[in-house]
Amino acid sequence: MSGAATGGSITLLAPLAGWSTPLDEAPDEVFATRMLGDGVAIDPTAGTLYAPCDGELLVVAASRHAVTVRTQEGCEVLLHVGIDTVGARQGTDFRYTQHRAVRCAPGMRS
């Protein structure tokens, strides 16, 4: 993945265990058409989300279904869990162990 601020590269680890597939095969038009940027879809085989890189946890969605991490290079990485999860019982389906503005490292639980 290209670094936004430096023109370099950023290594992202898989944020959860599962099967990966090209983003255009995601069963959600917003992601499949890359409205929110490029990426990969993962069909999870486990229920824990981990930080994919060094960075800072910027945003935790109110419904807890998505977080954004800003890498040290300035690239913002969206980690979105599920399809049609925005209204997922106002966040009761998800719990997280970290809070906004926390520094994260690869493998840290989100």
N, C-alpha and C. Protein backbone atom coordinates (compact mmCIF):
# COMPACT_ATOMS: atom_id res chain seq x y z
N MET A 1 0.85 -1.16 0.00
CA MET A 1 0.00 0.00 0.00
C MET A 1 0.90 1.23 0.00
N SER A 2 0.55 2.25 -0.77
CA SER A 2 1.37 3.45 -0.86
C SER A 2 1.16 4.35 0.34
N GLY A 3 2.23 4.97 0.80
CA GLY A 3 2.16 5.93 1.90
C GLY A 3 1.61 7.25 1.42
N ALA A 4 0.59 7.78 2.07
CA ALA A 4 -0.06 9.01 1.65
C ALA A 4 0.87 10.21 1.74
N ALA A 5 1.57 10.35 2.84
CA ALA A 5 2.37 11.55 3.07
C ALA A 5 3.77 11.43 2.49
N THR A 6 4.31 10.24 2.36
CA THR A 6 5.71 10.10 2.00
C THR A 6 5.94 9.54 0.60
N GLY A 7 4.92 8.99 -0.02
CA GLY A 7 5.11 8.36 -1.31
C GLY A 7 5.78 7.00 -1.18
N GLY A 8 6.02 6.55 0.05
CA GLY A 8 6.65 5.26 0.31
C GLY A 8 5.63 4.15 0.36
N SER A 9 5.95 3.12 1.10
CA SER A 9 5.01 2.02 1.23
C SER A 9 4.71 1.76 2.70
N ILE A 10 3.57 1.16 2.94
CA ILE A 10 3.11 0.83 4.28
C ILE A 10 2.77 -0.66 4.28
N THR A 11 3.22 -1.37 5.27
CA THR A 11 2.88 -2.78 5.39
C THR A 11 1.72 -2.91 6.37
N LEU A 12 0.65 -3.55 5.92
CA LEU A 12 -0.51 -3.80 6.77
C LEU A 12 -0.62 -5.30 7.01
N LEU A 13 -0.78 -5.68 8.27
CA LEU A 13 -1.03 -7.07 8.60
C LEU A 13 -2.53 -7.32 8.56
N ALA A 14 -2.93 -8.55 8.39
CA ALA A 14 -4.35 -8.88 8.41
C ALA A 14 -4.94 -8.51 9.77
N PRO A 15 -6.03 -7.74 9.80
CA PRO A 15 -6.60 -7.30 11.08
C PRO A 15 -7.45 -8.36 11.78
N LEU A 16 -7.74 -9.45 11.09
CA LEU A 16 -8.48 -10.55 11.71
C LEU A 16 -8.25 -11.81 10.91
N ALA A 17 -8.48 -12.94 11.54
CA ALA A 17 -8.31 -14.23 10.87
C ALA A 17 -9.48 -14.45 9.92
N GLY A 18 -9.20 -15.00 8.76
CA GLY A 18 -10.27 -15.29 7.82
C GLY A 18 -9.76 -15.46 6.41
N TRP A 19 -10.70 -15.58 5.48
CA TRP A 19 -10.40 -15.75 4.07
C TRP A 19 -10.48 -14.40 3.39
N SER A 20 -9.44 -14.03 2.66
CA SER A 20 -9.46 -12.73 1.96
C SER A 20 -9.96 -12.92 0.54
N THR A 21 -10.53 -11.85 0.02
CA THR A 21 -11.06 -11.82 -1.34
C THR A 21 -10.90 -10.41 -1.89
N PRO A 22 -10.83 -10.25 -3.18
CA PRO A 22 -10.74 -8.90 -3.75
C PRO A 22 -11.94 -8.06 -3.31
N LEU A 23 -11.70 -6.79 -3.11
CA LEU A 23 -12.75 -5.90 -2.62
C LEU A 23 -13.95 -5.84 -3.56
N ASP A 24 -13.71 -5.98 -4.87
CA ASP A 24 -14.86 -5.92 -5.78
C ASP A 24 -15.80 -7.10 -5.62
N GLU A 25 -15.42 -8.11 -4.87
CA GLU A 25 -16.31 -9.24 -4.59
C GLU A 25 -17.07 -9.08 -3.28
N ALA A 26 -16.86 -7.96 -2.58
CA ALA A 26 -17.58 -7.71 -1.33
C ALA A 26 -19.07 -7.55 -1.62
N PRO A 27 -19.94 -8.12 -0.79
CA PRO A 27 -21.38 -8.05 -1.03
C PRO A 27 -22.00 -6.72 -0.57
N ASP A 28 -21.26 -5.64 -0.73
CA ASP A 28 -21.74 -4.31 -0.35
C ASP A 28 -21.23 -3.33 -1.40
N GLU A 29 -22.15 -2.67 -2.10
CA GLU A 29 -21.78 -1.79 -3.21
C GLU A 29 -20.82 -0.67 -2.80
N VAL A 30 -20.97 -0.14 -1.60
CA VAL A 30 -20.10 0.94 -1.14
C VAL A 30 -18.64 0.49 -1.16
N PHE A 31 -18.38 -0.72 -0.70
CA PHE A 31 -17.01 -1.22 -0.66
C PHE A 31 -16.58 -1.78 -2.01
N ALA A 32 -17.47 -2.53 -2.67
CA ALA A 32 -17.13 -3.15 -3.94
C ALA A 32 -16.78 -2.11 -5.01
N THR A 33 -17.39 -0.94 -4.95
CA THR A 33 -17.10 0.12 -5.92
C THR A 33 -16.02 1.08 -5.42
N ARG A 34 -15.45 0.79 -4.26
CA ARG A 34 -14.35 1.56 -3.68
C ARG A 34 -14.71 3.01 -3.36
N MET A 35 -15.97 3.23 -2.99
CA MET A 35 -16.38 4.59 -2.60
C MET A 35 -15.58 5.11 -1.42
N LEU A 36 -15.11 4.22 -0.55
CA LEU A 36 -14.34 4.62 0.62
C LEU A 36 -12.85 4.33 0.44
N GLY A 37 -12.43 4.02 -0.77
CA GLY A 37 -11.03 3.75 -1.05
C GLY A 37 -10.76 2.28 -1.33
N ASP A 38 -9.51 1.99 -1.63
CA ASP A 38 -9.10 0.64 -1.98
C ASP A 38 -8.99 -0.22 -0.72
N GLY A 39 -8.94 -1.52 -0.89
CA GLY A 39 -8.82 -2.40 0.26
C GLY A 39 -8.97 -3.85 -0.11
N VAL A 40 -9.34 -4.62 0.88
CA VAL A 40 -9.55 -6.06 0.73
C VAL A 40 -10.73 -6.44 1.61
N ALA A 41 -11.46 -7.45 1.21
CA ALA A 41 -12.55 -7.97 2.03
C ALA A 41 -12.07 -9.26 2.69
N ILE A 42 -12.46 -9.45 3.95
CA ILE A 42 -12.09 -10.67 4.67
C ILE A 42 -13.35 -11.28 5.26
N ASP A 43 -13.56 -12.56 4.95
CA ASP A 43 -14.65 -13.32 5.55
C ASP A 43 -14.07 -13.93 6.82
N PRO A 44 -14.42 -13.38 8.00
CA PRO A 44 -13.73 -13.77 9.23
C PRO A 44 -14.04 -15.18 9.70
N THR A 45 -13.02 -15.78 10.31
CA THR A 45 -13.18 -17.08 10.94
C THR A 45 -13.02 -16.96 12.46
N ALA A 46 -12.79 -15.75 12.94
CA ALA A 46 -12.67 -15.48 14.37
C ALA A 46 -13.28 -14.11 14.65
N GLY A 47 -13.52 -13.80 15.90
CA GLY A 47 -14.24 -12.59 16.24
C GLY A 47 -13.44 -11.46 16.85
N THR A 48 -12.11 -11.45 16.69
CA THR A 48 -11.32 -10.38 17.28
C THR A 48 -10.62 -9.58 16.20
N LEU A 49 -10.74 -8.26 16.28
CA LEU A 49 -10.10 -7.34 15.34
C LEU A 49 -8.81 -6.83 15.96
N TYR A 50 -7.73 -6.81 15.18
CA TYR A 50 -6.42 -6.37 15.65
C TYR A 50 -5.91 -5.20 14.81
N ALA A 51 -5.05 -4.39 15.39
CA ALA A 51 -4.42 -3.29 14.65
C ALA A 51 -3.56 -3.88 13.53
N PRO A 52 -3.68 -3.34 12.31
CA PRO A 52 -2.91 -3.87 11.19
C PRO A 52 -1.53 -3.22 11.04
N CYS A 53 -1.25 -2.19 11.88
CA CYS A 53 -0.01 -1.43 11.69
C CYS A 53 0.25 -0.55 12.92
N ASP A 54 1.44 0.06 12.94
CA ASP A 54 1.72 1.09 13.93
C ASP A 54 0.89 2.31 13.57
N GLY A 55 0.35 2.98 14.56
CA GLY A 55 -0.41 4.18 14.28
C GLY A 55 -1.18 4.66 15.49
N GLU A 56 -2.19 5.47 15.22
CA GLU A 56 -3.04 6.02 16.27
C GLU A 56 -4.49 5.71 15.94
N LEU A 57 -5.22 5.23 16.93
CA LEU A 57 -6.64 4.96 16.76
C LEU A 57 -7.37 6.30 16.75
N LEU A 58 -7.89 6.70 15.60
CA LEU A 58 -8.52 8.00 15.43
C LEU A 58 -10.00 8.01 15.76
N VAL A 59 -10.71 7.05 15.20
CA VAL A 59 -12.17 7.06 15.27
C VAL A 59 -12.67 5.68 15.66
N VAL A 60 -13.61 5.63 16.58
CA VAL A 60 -14.37 4.42 16.86
C VAL A 60 -15.82 4.82 16.60
N ALA A 61 -16.44 4.20 15.60
CA ALA A 61 -17.83 4.54 15.26
C ALA A 61 -18.74 4.31 16.46
N ALA A 62 -19.76 5.14 16.60
CA ALA A 62 -20.70 5.02 17.73
C ALA A 62 -21.29 3.62 17.81
N SER A 63 -21.53 3.00 16.68
CA SER A 63 -22.08 1.65 16.68
C SER A 63 -20.99 0.59 16.84
N ARG A 64 -19.73 1.04 16.96
CA ARG A 64 -18.57 0.19 17.22
C ARG A 64 -18.25 -0.80 16.10
N HIS A 65 -18.84 -0.63 14.94
CA HIS A 65 -18.60 -1.56 13.84
C HIS A 65 -17.41 -1.18 12.97
N ALA A 66 -16.81 -0.02 13.25
CA ALA A 66 -15.69 0.45 12.42
C ALA A 66 -14.75 1.31 13.24
N VAL A 67 -13.46 1.20 12.90
CA VAL A 67 -12.45 2.06 13.52
C VAL A 67 -11.54 2.57 12.40
N THR A 68 -10.92 3.71 12.65
CA THR A 68 -9.94 4.26 11.72
C THR A 68 -8.62 4.42 12.45
N VAL A 69 -7.56 3.94 11.81
CA VAL A 69 -6.21 4.05 12.33
C VAL A 69 -5.41 4.93 11.39
N ARG A 70 -4.69 5.92 11.92
CA ARG A 70 -3.78 6.73 11.11
C ARG A 70 -2.37 6.18 11.30
N THR A 71 -1.74 5.80 10.20
CA THR A 71 -0.38 5.27 10.27
C THR A 71 0.60 6.39 10.57
N GLN A 72 1.81 6.03 10.94
CA GLN A 72 2.86 7.01 11.19
C GLN A 72 3.16 7.84 9.94
N GLU A 73 2.86 7.27 8.77
CA GLU A 73 3.09 7.97 7.50
C GLU A 73 1.95 8.91 7.13
N GLY A 74 0.85 8.88 7.90
CA GLY A 74 -0.28 9.77 7.65
C GLY A 74 -1.42 9.15 6.86
N CYS A 75 -1.34 7.88 6.53
CA CYS A 75 -2.40 7.19 5.79
C CYS A 75 -3.49 6.75 6.77
N GLU A 76 -4.75 7.02 6.45
CA GLU A 76 -5.85 6.59 7.31
C GLU A 76 -6.42 5.27 6.80
N VAL A 77 -6.49 4.29 7.70
CA VAL A 77 -6.92 2.94 7.37
C VAL A 77 -8.25 2.68 8.08
N LEU A 78 -9.30 2.41 7.30
CA LEU A 78 -10.62 2.09 7.84
C LEU A 78 -10.72 0.58 8.03
N LEU A 79 -11.09 0.15 9.23
CA LEU A 79 -11.36 -1.26 9.52
C LEU A 79 -12.85 -1.36 9.78
N HIS A 80 -13.58 -1.92 8.86
CA HIS A 80 -15.04 -1.99 8.93
C HIS A 80 -15.45 -3.45 9.10
N VAL A 81 -16.28 -3.74 10.09
CA VAL A 81 -16.68 -5.11 10.37
C VAL A 81 -18.13 -5.33 9.93
N GLY A 82 -18.32 -6.28 9.05
CA GLY A 82 -19.67 -6.71 8.68
C GLY A 82 -20.32 -5.94 7.56
N ILE A 83 -21.46 -6.45 7.16
CA ILE A 83 -22.31 -5.85 6.15
C ILE A 83 -23.59 -5.44 6.87
N ASP A 84 -24.08 -4.24 6.58
CA ASP A 84 -25.28 -3.71 7.23
C ASP A 84 -25.14 -3.69 8.75
N THR A 85 -23.97 -3.29 9.24
CA THR A 85 -23.73 -3.29 10.68
C THR A 85 -23.87 -1.90 11.30
N VAL A 86 -24.15 -0.87 10.50
CA VAL A 86 -24.25 0.49 11.03
C VAL A 86 -25.31 0.55 12.13
N GLY A 87 -26.44 -0.09 11.93
CA GLY A 87 -27.51 -0.06 12.92
C GLY A 87 -27.50 -1.26 13.85
N ALA A 88 -26.36 -1.89 13.98
CA ALA A 88 -26.25 -3.12 14.76
C ALA A 88 -26.52 -2.87 16.25
N ARG A 89 -27.76 -2.72 16.58
CA ARG A 89 -28.22 -2.53 17.96
C ARG A 89 -27.38 -1.50 18.73
N GLN A 90 -27.09 -0.38 18.07
CA GLN A 90 -26.37 0.74 18.67
C GLN A 90 -25.08 0.31 19.38
N GLY A 91 -24.36 -0.60 18.78
CA GLY A 91 -23.05 -0.96 19.30
C GLY A 91 -23.04 -2.11 20.29
N THR A 92 -24.18 -2.65 20.65
CA THR A 92 -24.19 -3.72 21.64
C THR A 92 -23.67 -5.04 21.07
N ASP A 93 -23.57 -5.13 19.73
CA ASP A 93 -23.04 -6.35 19.12
C ASP A 93 -21.52 -6.38 19.13
N PHE A 94 -20.89 -5.24 19.41
CA PHE A 94 -19.44 -5.14 19.38
C PHE A 94 -18.94 -4.54 20.68
N ARG A 95 -17.76 -4.99 21.10
CA ARG A 95 -17.10 -4.33 22.23
C ARG A 95 -15.65 -4.11 21.81
N TYR A 96 -15.04 -3.10 22.37
CA TYR A 96 -13.66 -2.83 22.03
C TYR A 96 -12.84 -2.62 23.28
N THR A 97 -11.54 -2.85 23.14
CA THR A 97 -10.65 -2.77 24.31
C THR A 97 -9.80 -1.50 24.30
N GLN A 98 -9.82 -0.78 23.19
CA GLN A 98 -9.02 0.45 23.07
C GLN A 98 -9.94 1.64 22.87
N HIS A 99 -9.39 2.81 23.11
CA HIS A 99 -10.17 4.04 22.97
C HIS A 99 -9.47 4.99 22.00
N ARG A 100 -10.22 5.97 21.54
CA ARG A 100 -9.70 6.95 20.60
C ARG A 100 -8.42 7.58 21.14
N ALA A 101 -7.52 7.93 20.23
CA ALA A 101 -6.25 8.59 20.50
C ALA A 101 -5.20 7.67 21.11
N VAL A 102 -5.45 6.38 21.18
CA VAL A 102 -4.48 5.42 21.69
C VAL A 102 -3.49 5.07 20.57
N ARG A 103 -2.22 5.00 20.91
CA ARG A 103 -1.21 4.52 19.96
C ARG A 103 -1.40 3.02 19.84
N CYS A 104 -1.31 2.51 18.62
CA CYS A 104 -1.47 1.08 18.44
C CYS A 104 -0.27 0.50 17.70
N ALA A 105 -0.11 -0.77 17.85
CA ALA A 105 0.98 -1.51 17.21
C ALA A 105 0.38 -2.74 16.55
N PRO A 106 1.04 -3.27 15.52
CA PRO A 106 0.49 -4.45 14.85
C PRO A 106 0.17 -5.56 15.84
N GLY A 107 -1.03 -6.11 15.72
CA GLY A 107 -1.45 -7.20 16.59
C GLY A 107 -2.16 -6.77 17.84
N MET A 108 -2.21 -5.45 18.13
CA MET A 108 -2.92 -4.98 19.32
C MET A 108 -4.42 -5.13 19.09
N ARG A 109 -5.13 -5.63 20.11
CA ARG A 109 -6.59 -5.80 20.00
C ARG A 109 -7.25 -4.44 19.87
N SER A 110 -8.20 -4.35 18.96
CA SER A 110 -8.98 -3.13 18.80
C SER A 110 -10.19 -3.22 19.67
